[in-house]
Amino acid sequence: MTDFLTFQTFITPTLLIIMYYIGAVLIPIFSWFFLHWITKVYKTEIETYTPFKKTFIGSTAFFLCFFSLEILWRVIFEFFIAYFDIHNALMKLT
């Protein structure tokens, strides 16, 4: 308890992992809403395409957004967790 009160032990690494999984679940939902927003904004341009092209473009936009956000999300959290691991390693040296 003393380590926690004097900030020798951090709770942030555990919270980071929890936040990562929450975000990893919410990213597909965000990607789906982004796809619907894009189709609403560019409705007149999309109507000129055939049904196959609409499906292909929509699926490609969804998966591109989804995979890009998932990778970015993972890299951000790996950076934060590595930062705390470096801190722990430095604290062991002292």
PDB file of N, CA and C in Angstrom:
ATOM      1  N   MET A   1       0.825  -1.195   0.000  1.00  0.00           N
ATOM      2  CA  MET A   1       0.000   0.000   0.000  1.00  0.00           C
ATOM      3  C   MET A   1       0.866   1.254   0.000  1.00  0.00           C
ATOM      4  N   THR A   2       2.012   1.195   0.673  1.00  0.00           N
ATOM      5  CA  THR A   2       2.905   2.355   0.716  1.00  0.00           C
ATOM      6  C   THR A   2       3.460   2.655  -0.666  1.00  0.00           C
ATOM      7  N   ASP A   3       3.791   1.598  -1.422  1.00  0.00           N
ATOM      8  CA  ASP A   3       4.284   1.815  -2.789  1.00  0.00           C
ATOM      9  C   ASP A   3       3.232   2.499  -3.658  1.00  0.00           C
ATOM     10  N   PHE A   4       1.993   2.139  -3.481  1.00  0.00           N
ATOM     11  CA  PHE A   4       0.916   2.750  -4.254  1.00  0.00           C
ATOM     12  C   PHE A   4       0.750   4.226  -3.880  1.00  0.00           C
ATOM     13  N   LEU A   5       0.802   4.522  -2.586  1.00  0.00           N
ATOM     14  CA  LEU A   5       0.603   5.902  -2.129  1.00  0.00           C
ATOM     15  C   LEU A   5       1.782   6.806  -2.446  1.00  0.00           C
ATOM     16  N   THR A   6       2.962   6.249  -2.597  1.00  0.00           N
ATOM     17  CA  THR A   6       4.142   7.059  -2.942  1.00  0.00           C
ATOM     18  C   THR A   6       4.470   6.986  -4.440  1.00  0.00           C
ATOM     19  N   PHE A   7       3.560   6.445  -5.223  1.00  0.00           N
ATOM     20  CA  PHE A   7       3.700   6.342  -6.681  1.00  0.00           C
ATOM     21  C   PHE A   7       4.890   5.494  -7.121  1.00  0.00           C
ATOM     22  N   GLN A   8       5.266   4.524  -6.298  1.00  0.00           N
ATOM     23  CA  GLN A   8       6.289   3.566  -6.711  1.00  0.00           C
ATOM     24  C   GLN A   8       5.680   2.460  -7.566  1.00  0.00           C
ATOM     25  N   THR A   9       4.402   2.223  -7.402  1.00  0.00           N
ATOM     26  CA  THR A   9       3.659   1.251  -8.196  1.00  0.00           C
ATOM     27  C   THR A   9       2.577   1.999  -8.961  1.00  0.00           C
ATOM     28  N   PHE A  10       2.528   1.760 -10.250  1.00  0.00           N
ATOM     29  CA  PHE A  10       1.547   2.439 -11.096  1.00  0.00           C
ATOM     30  C   PHE A  10       0.364   1.531 -11.389  1.00  0.00           C
ATOM     31  N   ILE A  11      -0.816   2.118 -11.445  1.00  0.00           N
ATOM     32  CA  ILE A  11      -2.002   1.363 -11.851  1.00  0.00           C
ATOM     33  C   ILE A  11      -2.273   1.556 -13.342  1.00  0.00           C
ATOM     34  N   THR A  12      -1.576   2.479 -13.962  1.00  0.00           N
ATOM     35  CA  THR A  12      -1.831   2.801 -15.359  1.00  0.00           C
ATOM     36  C   THR A  12      -1.607   1.632 -16.315  1.00  0.00           C
ATOM     37  N   PRO A  13      -0.556   0.813 -16.178  1.00  0.00           N
ATOM     38  CA  PRO A  13      -0.417  -0.310 -17.123  1.00  0.00           C
ATOM     39  C   PRO A  13      -1.638  -1.227 -17.158  1.00  0.00           C
ATOM     40  N   THR A  14      -2.229  -1.483 -16.022  1.00  0.00           N
ATOM     41  CA  THR A  14      -3.435  -2.322 -15.989  1.00  0.00           C
ATOM     42  C   THR A  14      -4.599  -1.605 -16.659  1.00  0.00           C
ATOM     43  N   LEU A  15      -4.736  -0.311 -16.374  1.00  0.00           N
ATOM     44  CA  LEU A  15      -5.802   0.470 -17.011  1.00  0.00           C
ATOM     45  C   LEU A  15      -5.598   0.571 -18.516  1.00  0.00           C
ATOM     46  N   LEU A  16      -4.342   0.658 -18.951  1.00  0.00           N
ATOM     47  CA  LEU A  16      -4.064   0.713 -20.387  1.00  0.00           C
ATOM     48  C   LEU A  16      -4.546  -0.547 -21.095  1.00  0.00           C
ATOM     49  N   ILE A  17      -4.324  -1.679 -20.502  1.00  0.00           N
ATOM     50  CA  ILE A  17      -4.752  -2.938 -21.124  1.00  0.00           C
ATOM     51  C   ILE A  17      -6.276  -2.999 -21.194  1.00  0.00           C
ATOM     52  N   ILE A  18      -6.937  -2.573 -20.135  1.00  0.00           N
ATOM     53  CA  ILE A  18      -8.405  -2.558 -20.138  1.00  0.00           C
ATOM     54  C   ILE A  18      -8.919  -1.601 -21.204  1.00  0.00           C
ATOM     55  N   MET A  19      -8.327  -0.408 -21.282  1.00  0.00           N
ATOM     56  CA  MET A  19      -8.756   0.585 -22.272  1.00  0.00           C
ATOM     57  C   MET A  19      -8.481   0.102 -23.696  1.00  0.00           C
ATOM     58  N   TYR A  20      -7.375  -0.641 -23.880  1.00  0.00           N
ATOM     59  CA  TYR A  20      -7.074  -1.174 -25.207  1.00  0.00           C
ATOM     60  C   TYR A  20      -8.192  -2.102 -25.683  1.00  0.00           C
ATOM     61  N   TYR A  21      -8.622  -3.015 -24.824  1.00  0.00           N
ATOM     62  CA  TYR A  21      -9.659  -3.962 -25.230  1.00  0.00           C
ATOM     63  C   TYR A  21     -11.010  -3.276 -25.438  1.00  0.00           C
ATOM     64  N   ILE A  22     -11.305  -2.274 -24.645  1.00  0.00           N
ATOM     65  CA  ILE A  22     -12.546  -1.520 -24.860  1.00  0.00           C
ATOM     66  C   ILE A  22     -12.501  -0.830 -26.219  1.00  0.00           C
ATOM     67  N   GLY A  23     -11.374  -0.196 -26.521  1.00  0.00           N
ATOM     68  CA  GLY A  23     -11.220   0.467 -27.820  1.00  0.00           C
ATOM     69  C   GLY A  23     -11.228  -0.514 -28.979  1.00  0.00           C
ATOM     70  N   ALA A  24     -10.607  -1.671 -28.786  1.00  0.00           N
ATOM     71  CA  ALA A  24     -10.569  -2.673 -29.851  1.00  0.00           C
ATOM     72  C   ALA A  24     -11.969  -3.174 -30.193  1.00  0.00           C
ATOM     73  N   VAL A  25     -12.865  -3.159 -29.215  1.00  0.00           N
ATOM     74  CA  VAL A  25     -14.249  -3.552 -29.476  1.00  0.00           C
ATOM     75  C   VAL A  25     -15.021  -2.401 -30.116  1.00  0.00           C
ATOM     76  N   LEU A  26     -14.723  -1.172 -29.719  1.00  0.00           N
ATOM     77  CA  LEU A  26     -15.459  -0.022 -30.244  1.00  0.00           C
ATOM     78  C   LEU A  26     -15.009   0.412 -31.644  1.00  0.00           C
ATOM     79  N   ILE A  27     -13.806   0.065 -32.050  1.00  0.00           N
ATOM     80  CA  ILE A  27     -13.306   0.478 -33.365  1.00  0.00           C
ATOM     81  C   ILE A  27     -14.151  -0.077 -34.515  1.00  0.00           C
ATOM     82  N   PRO A  28     -14.568  -1.348 -34.505  1.00  0.00           N
ATOM     83  CA  PRO A  28     -15.442  -1.799 -35.594  1.00  0.00           C
ATOM     84  C   PRO A  28     -16.766  -1.035 -35.645  1.00  0.00           C
ATOM     85  N   ILE A  29     -17.289  -0.700 -34.473  1.00  0.00           N
ATOM     86  CA  ILE A  29     -18.538   0.077 -34.442  1.00  0.00           C
ATOM     87  C   ILE A  29     -18.301   1.459 -35.035  1.00  0.00           C
ATOM     88  N   PHE A  30     -17.188   2.100 -34.670  1.00  0.00           N
ATOM     89  CA  PHE A  30     -16.839   3.399 -35.236  1.00  0.00           C
ATOM     90  C   PHE A  30     -16.645   3.302 -36.745  1.00  0.00           C
ATOM     91  N   SER A  31     -15.982   2.242 -37.195  1.00  0.00           N
ATOM     92  CA  SER A  31     -15.755   2.064 -38.633  1.00  0.00           C
ATOM     93  C   SER A  31     -17.080   1.917 -39.377  1.00  0.00           C
ATOM     94  N   TRP A  32     -18.024   1.204 -38.783  1.00  0.00           N
ATOM     95  CA  TRP A  32     -19.334   1.017 -39.408  1.00  0.00           C
ATOM     96  C   TRP A  32     -20.065   2.357 -39.533  1.00  0.00           C
ATOM     97  N   PHE A  33     -20.051   3.174 -38.477  1.00  0.00           N
ATOM     98  CA  PHE A  33     -20.681   4.492 -38.545  1.00  0.00           C
ATOM     99  C   PHE A  33     -19.965   5.413 -39.531  1.00  0.00           C
ATOM    100  N   PHE A  34     -18.640   5.277 -39.621  1.00  0.00           N
ATOM    101  CA  PHE A  34     -17.874   6.061 -40.580  1.00  0.00           C
ATOM    102  C   PHE A  34     -18.277   5.700 -42.007  1.00  0.00           C
ATOM    103  N   LEU A  35     -18.471   4.419 -42.270  1.00  0.00           N
ATOM    104  CA  LEU A  35     -18.908   3.973 -43.589  1.00  0.00           C
ATOM    105  C   LEU A  35     -20.272   4.570 -43.930  1.00  0.00           C
ATOM    106  N   HIS A  36     -21.197   4.566 -42.980  1.00  0.00           N
ATOM    107  CA  HIS A  36     -22.520   5.145 -43.239  1.00  0.00           C
ATOM    108  C   HIS A  36     -22.451   6.658 -43.422  1.00  0.00           C
ATOM    109  N   TRP A  37     -21.561   7.311 -42.712  1.00  0.00           N
ATOM    110  CA  TRP A  37     -21.395   8.756 -42.876  1.00  0.00           C
ATOM    111  C   TRP A  37     -20.849   9.071 -44.273  1.00  0.00           C
ATOM    112  N   ILE A  38     -19.862   8.303 -44.712  1.00  0.00           N
ATOM    113  CA  ILE A  38     -19.283   8.496 -46.048  1.00  0.00           C
ATOM    114  C   ILE A  38     -20.347   8.287 -47.118  1.00  0.00           C
ATOM    115  N   THR A  39     -21.155   7.244 -46.983  1.00  0.00           N
ATOM    116  CA  THR A  39     -22.181   6.992 -47.995  1.00  0.00           C
ATOM    117  C   THR A  39     -23.249   8.078 -47.993  1.00  0.00           C
ATOM    118  N   LYS A  40     -23.512   8.686 -46.839  1.00  0.00           N
ATOM    119  CA  LYS A  40     -24.494   9.763 -46.793  1.00  0.00           C
ATOM    120  C   LYS A  40     -23.935  11.043 -47.405  1.00  0.00           C
ATOM    121  N   VAL A  41     -22.668  11.330 -47.146  1.00  0.00           N
ATOM    122  CA  VAL A  41     -22.047  12.551 -47.674  1.00  0.00           C
ATOM    123  C   VAL A  41     -21.889  12.467 -49.189  1.00  0.00           C
ATOM    124  N   TYR A  42     -21.468  11.325 -49.682  1.00  0.00           N
ATOM    125  CA  TYR A  42     -21.217  11.161 -51.119  1.00  0.00           C
ATOM    126  C   TYR A  42     -22.336  10.382 -51.804  1.00  0.00           C
ATOM    127  N   LYS A  43     -23.555  10.586 -51.379  1.00  0.00           N
ATOM    128  CA  LYS A  43     -24.688   9.813 -51.892  1.00  0.00           C
ATOM    129  C   LYS A  43     -24.873  10.017 -53.391  1.00  0.00           C
ATOM    130  N   THR A  44     -24.772  11.242 -53.878  1.00  0.00           N
ATOM    131  CA  THR A  44     -25.005  11.493 -55.308  1.00  0.00           C
ATOM    132  C   THR A  44     -23.930  10.844 -56.172  1.00  0.00           C
ATOM    133  N   GLU A  45     -22.686  10.826 -55.698  1.00  0.00           N
ATOM    134  CA  GLU A  45     -21.617  10.191 -56.474  1.00  0.00           C
ATOM    135  C   GLU A  45     -21.744   8.673 -56.444  1.00  0.00           C
ATOM    136  N   ILE A  46     -22.178   8.135 -55.314  1.00  0.00           N
ATOM    137  CA  ILE A  46     -22.286   6.679 -55.169  1.00  0.00           C
ATOM    138  C   ILE A  46     -23.442   6.120 -55.978  1.00  0.00           C
ATOM    139  N   GLU A  47     -24.497   6.908 -56.165  1.00  0.00           N
ATOM    140  CA  GLU A  47     -25.664   6.415 -56.907  1.00  0.00           C
ATOM    141  C   GLU A  47     -25.349   6.115 -58.370  1.00  0.00           C
ATOM    142  N   THR A  48     -24.278   6.690 -58.904  1.00  0.00           N
ATOM    143  CA  THR A  48     -23.923   6.433 -60.299  1.00  0.00           C
ATOM    144  C   THR A  48     -23.261   5.072 -60.485  1.00  0.00           C
ATOM    145  N   TYR A  49     -22.820   4.434 -59.386  1.00  0.00           N
ATOM    146  CA  TYR A  49     -22.155   3.144 -59.487  1.00  0.00           C
ATOM    147  C   TYR A  49     -23.159   1.999 -59.560  1.00  0.00           C
ATOM    148  N   THR A  50     -22.688   0.886 -60.091  1.00  0.00           N
ATOM    149  CA  THR A  50     -23.503  -0.324 -60.111  1.00  0.00           C
ATOM    150  C   THR A  50     -23.577  -0.897 -58.695  1.00  0.00           C
ATOM    151  N   PRO A  51     -24.548  -1.767 -58.423  1.00  0.00           N
ATOM    152  CA  PRO A  51     -24.642  -2.357 -57.071  1.00  0.00           C
ATOM    153  C   PRO A  51     -23.370  -3.094 -56.639  1.00  0.00           C
ATOM    154  N   PHE A  52     -22.703  -3.754 -57.598  1.00  0.00           N
ATOM    155  CA  PHE A  52     -21.460  -4.447 -57.246  1.00  0.00           C
ATOM    156  C   PHE A  52     -20.389  -3.461 -56.826  1.00  0.00           C
ATOM    157  N   LYS A  53     -20.275  -2.361 -57.569  1.00  0.00           N
ATOM    158  CA  LYS A  53     -19.268  -1.350 -57.232  1.00  0.00           C
ATOM    159  C   LYS A  53     -19.568  -0.704 -55.883  1.00  0.00           C
ATOM    160  N   LYS A  54     -20.844  -0.456 -55.604  1.00  0.00           N
ATOM    161  CA  LYS A  54     -21.217   0.125 -54.308  1.00  0.00           C
ATOM    162  C   LYS A  54     -20.784  -0.797 -53.175  1.00  0.00           C
ATOM    163  N   THR A  55     -21.066  -2.074 -53.329  1.00  0.00           N
ATOM    164  CA  THR A  55     -20.702  -3.040 -52.293  1.00  0.00           C
ATOM    165  C   THR A  55     -19.193  -3.142 -52.154  1.00  0.00           C
ATOM    166  N   PHE A  56     -18.497  -3.183 -53.284  1.00  0.00           N
ATOM    167  CA  PHE A  56     -17.047  -3.297 -53.251  1.00  0.00           C
ATOM    168  C   PHE A  56     -16.409  -2.084 -52.604  1.00  0.00           C
ATOM    169  N   ILE A  57     -16.841  -0.896 -52.994  1.00  0.00           N
ATOM    170  CA  ILE A  57     -16.271   0.334 -52.435  1.00  0.00           C
ATOM    171  C   ILE A  57     -16.601   0.448 -50.950  1.00  0.00           C
ATOM    172  N   GLY A  58     -17.828   0.122 -50.573  1.00  0.00           N
ATOM    173  CA  GLY A  58     -18.212   0.170 -49.163  1.00  0.00           C
ATOM    174  C   GLY A  58     -17.428  -0.809 -48.318  1.00  0.00           C
ATOM    175  N   SER A  59     -17.291  -2.030 -48.803  1.00  0.00           N
ATOM    176  CA  SER A  59     -16.535  -3.043 -48.054  1.00  0.00           C
ATOM    177  C   SER A  59     -15.066  -2.663 -47.950  1.00  0.00           C
ATOM    178  N   THR A  60     -14.501  -2.163 -49.036  1.00  0.00           N
ATOM    179  CA  THR A  60     -13.104  -1.751 -49.020  1.00  0.00           C
ATOM    180  C   THR A  60     -12.890  -0.601 -48.045  1.00  0.00           C
ATOM    181  N   ALA A  61     -13.779   0.387 -48.051  1.00  0.00           N
ATOM    182  CA  ALA A  61     -13.657   1.523 -47.131  1.00  0.00           C
ATOM    183  C   ALA A  61     -13.770   1.059 -45.686  1.00  0.00           C
ATOM    184  N   PHE A  62     -14.711   0.159 -45.421  1.00  0.00           N
ATOM    185  CA  PHE A  62     -14.885  -0.345 -44.059  1.00  0.00           C
ATOM    186  C   PHE A  62     -13.650  -1.088 -43.579  1.00  0.00           C
ATOM    187  N   PHE A  63     -13.154  -2.036 -44.370  1.00  0.00           N
ATOM    188  CA  PHE A  63     -12.011  -2.824 -43.937  1.00  0.00           C
ATOM    189  C   PHE A  63     -10.737  -1.989 -43.859  1.00  0.00           C
ATOM    190  N   LEU A  64     -10.561  -1.040 -44.764  1.00  0.00           N
ATOM    191  CA  LEU A  64      -9.396  -0.165 -44.714  1.00  0.00           C
ATOM    192  C   LEU A  64      -9.415   0.680 -43.442  1.00  0.00           C
ATOM    193  N   CYS A  65     -10.560   1.243 -43.132  1.00  0.00           N
ATOM    194  CA  CYS A  65     -10.704   2.032 -41.913  1.00  0.00           C
ATOM    195  C   CYS A  65     -10.508   1.149 -40.683  1.00  0.00           C
ATOM    196  N   PHE A  66     -11.120  -0.006 -40.684  1.00  0.00           N
ATOM    197  CA  PHE A  66     -11.043  -0.918 -39.549  1.00  0.00           C
ATOM    198  C   PHE A  66      -9.610  -1.352 -39.272  1.00  0.00           C
ATOM    199  N   PHE A  67      -8.906  -1.855 -40.275  1.00  0.00           N
ATOM    200  CA  PHE A  67      -7.548  -2.347 -40.064  1.00  0.00           C
ATOM    201  C   PHE A  67      -6.581  -1.215 -39.722  1.00  0.00           C
ATOM    202  N   SER A  68      -6.737  -0.061 -40.352  1.00  0.00           N
ATOM    203  CA  SER A  68      -5.859   1.066 -40.045  1.00  0.00           C
ATOM    204  C   SER A  68      -6.031   1.522 -38.602  1.00  0.00           C
ATOM    205  N   LEU A  69      -7.268   1.620 -38.157  1.00  0.00           N
ATOM    206  CA  LEU A  69      -7.511   2.053 -36.784  1.00  0.00           C
ATOM    207  C   LEU A  69      -7.056   1.012 -35.764  1.00  0.00           C
ATOM    208  N   GLU A  70      -7.257  -0.258 -36.059  1.00  0.00           N
ATOM    209  CA  GLU A  70      -6.818  -1.302 -35.127  1.00  0.00           C
ATOM    210  C   GLU A  70      -5.296  -1.299 -34.983  1.00  0.00           C
ATOM    211  N   ILE A  71      -4.584  -1.154 -36.083  1.00  0.00           N
ATOM    212  CA  ILE A  71      -3.120  -1.127 -36.019  1.00  0.00           C
ATOM    213  C   ILE A  71      -2.645   0.117 -35.284  1.00  0.00           C
ATOM    214  N   LEU A  72      -3.220   1.263 -35.593  1.00  0.00           N
ATOM    215  CA  LEU A  72      -2.847   2.499 -34.909  1.00  0.00           C
ATOM    216  C   LEU A  72      -3.128   2.397 -33.412  1.00  0.00           C
ATOM    217  N   TRP A  73      -4.276   1.855 -33.049  1.00  0.00           N
ATOM    218  CA  TRP A  73      -4.658   1.690 -31.654  1.00  0.00           C
ATOM    219  C   TRP A  73      -3.647   0.804 -30.927  1.00  0.00           C
ATOM    220  N   ARG A  74      -3.251  -0.291 -31.567  1.00  0.00           N
ATOM    221  CA  ARG A  74      -2.283  -1.218 -30.952  1.00  0.00           C
ATOM    222  C   ARG A  74      -0.921  -0.549 -30.768  1.00  0.00           C
ATOM    223  N   VAL A  75      -0.459   0.187 -31.771  1.00  0.00           N
ATOM    224  CA  VAL A  75       0.851   0.841 -31.693  1.00  0.00           C
ATOM    225  C   VAL A  75       0.868   1.886 -30.576  1.00  0.00           C
ATOM    226  N   ILE A  76      -0.189   2.653 -30.448  1.00  0.00           N
ATOM    227  CA  ILE A  76      -0.257   3.668 -29.392  1.00  0.00           C
ATOM    228  C   ILE A  76      -0.146   3.014 -28.015  1.00  0.00           C
ATOM    229  N   PHE A  77      -0.880   1.940 -27.795  1.00  0.00           N
ATOM    230  CA  PHE A  77      -0.859   1.306 -26.484  1.00  0.00           C
ATOM    231  C   PHE A  77       0.438   0.555 -26.237  1.00  0.00           C
ATOM    232  N   GLU A  78       1.060   0.012 -27.273  1.00  0.00           N
ATOM    233  CA  GLU A  78       2.370  -0.601 -27.093  1.00  0.00           C
ATOM    234  C   GLU A  78       3.394   0.436 -26.674  1.00  0.00           C
ATOM    235  N   PHE A  79       3.309   1.634 -27.227  1.00  0.00           N
ATOM    236  CA  PHE A  79       4.216   2.706 -26.833  1.00  0.00           C
ATOM    237  C   PHE A  79       4.038   3.047 -25.360  1.00  0.00           C
ATOM    238  N   PHE A  80       2.805   3.212 -24.918  1.00  0.00           N
ATOM    239  CA  PHE A  80       2.556   3.558 -23.525  1.00  0.00           C
ATOM    240  C   PHE A  80       3.024   2.461 -22.570  1.00  0.00           C
ATOM    241  N   ILE A  81       2.756   1.213 -22.911  1.00  0.00           N
ATOM    242  CA  ILE A  81       3.170   0.111 -22.055  1.00  0.00           C
ATOM    243  C   ILE A  81       4.692  -0.012 -22.041  1.00  0.00           C
ATOM    244  N   ALA A  82       5.340   0.212 -23.179  1.00  0.00           N
ATOM    245  CA  ALA A  82       6.808   0.195 -23.216  1.00  0.00           C
ATOM    246  C   ALA A  82       7.378   1.309 -22.341  1.00  0.00           C
ATOM    247  N   TYR A  83       6.723   2.442 -22.307  1.00  0.00           N
ATOM    248  CA  TYR A  83       7.165   3.545 -21.461  1.00  0.00           C
ATOM    249  C   TYR A  83       7.164   3.122 -19.989  1.00  0.00           C
ATOM    250  N   PHE A  84       6.126   2.456 -19.558  1.00  0.00           N
ATOM    251  CA  PHE A  84       6.072   2.008 -18.168  1.00  0.00           C
ATOM    252  C   PHE A  84       7.046   0.868 -17.899  1.00  0.00           C
ATOM    253  N   ASP A  85       7.302   0.030 -18.890  1.00  0.00           N
ATOM    254  CA  ASP A  85       8.307  -1.021 -18.714  1.00  0.00           C
ATOM    255  C   ASP A  85       9.702  -0.414 -18.568  1.00  0.00           C
ATOM    256  N   ILE A  86       9.981   0.632 -19.326  1.00  0.00           N
ATOM    257  CA  ILE A  86      11.266   1.325 -19.196  1.00  0.00           C
ATOM    258  C   ILE A  86      11.384   1.931 -17.801  1.00  0.00           C
ATOM    259  N   HIS A  87      10.303   2.513 -17.328  1.00  0.00           N
ATOM    260  CA  HIS A  87      10.308   3.087 -15.984  1.00  0.00           C
ATOM    261  C   HIS A  87      10.597   2.014 -14.936  1.00  0.00           C
ATOM    262  N   ASN A  88       9.945   0.867 -15.063  1.00  0.00           N
ATOM    263  CA  ASN A  88      10.175  -0.223 -14.108  1.00  0.00           C
ATOM    264  C   ASN A  88      11.617  -0.717 -14.152  1.00  0.00           C
ATOM    265  N   ALA A  89      12.190  -0.807 -15.348  1.00  0.00           N
ATOM    266  CA  ALA A  89      13.573  -1.254 -15.482  1.00  0.00           C
ATOM    267  C   ALA A  89      14.540  -0.242 -14.854  1.00  0.00           C
ATOM    268  N   LEU A  90      14.261   1.027 -15.042  1.00  0.00           N
ATOM    269  CA  LEU A  90      15.108   2.055 -14.450  1.00  0.00           C
ATOM    270  C   LEU A  90      14.990   2.082 -12.922  1.00  0.00           C
ATOM    271  N   MET A  91      13.786   1.793 -12.424  1.00  0.00           N
ATOM    272  CA  MET A  91      13.603   1.772 -10.964  1.00  0.00           C
ATOM    273  C   MET A  91      14.348   0.592 -10.346  1.00  0.00           C
ATOM    274  N   LYS A  92      14.494  -0.498 -11.074  1.00  0.00           N
ATOM    275  CA  LYS A  92      15.233  -1.648 -10.555  1.00  0.00           C
ATOM    276  C   LYS A  92      16.731  -1.350 -10.480  1.00  0.00           C
ATOM    277  N   LEU A  93      17.205  -0.448 -11.341  1.00  0.00           N
ATOM    278  CA  LEU A  93      18.631  -0.101 -11.320  1.00  0.00           C
ATOM    279  C   LEU A  93      19.021   0.733 -10.107  1.00  0.00           C
ATOM    280  N   THR A  94      18.057   1.478  -9.580  1.00  0.00           N
ATOM    281  CA  THR A  94      18.384   2.349  -8.441  1.00  0.00           C
ATOM    282  C   THR A  94      18.260   1.647  -7.120  1.00  0.00           C
TER     283      THR A  94
END
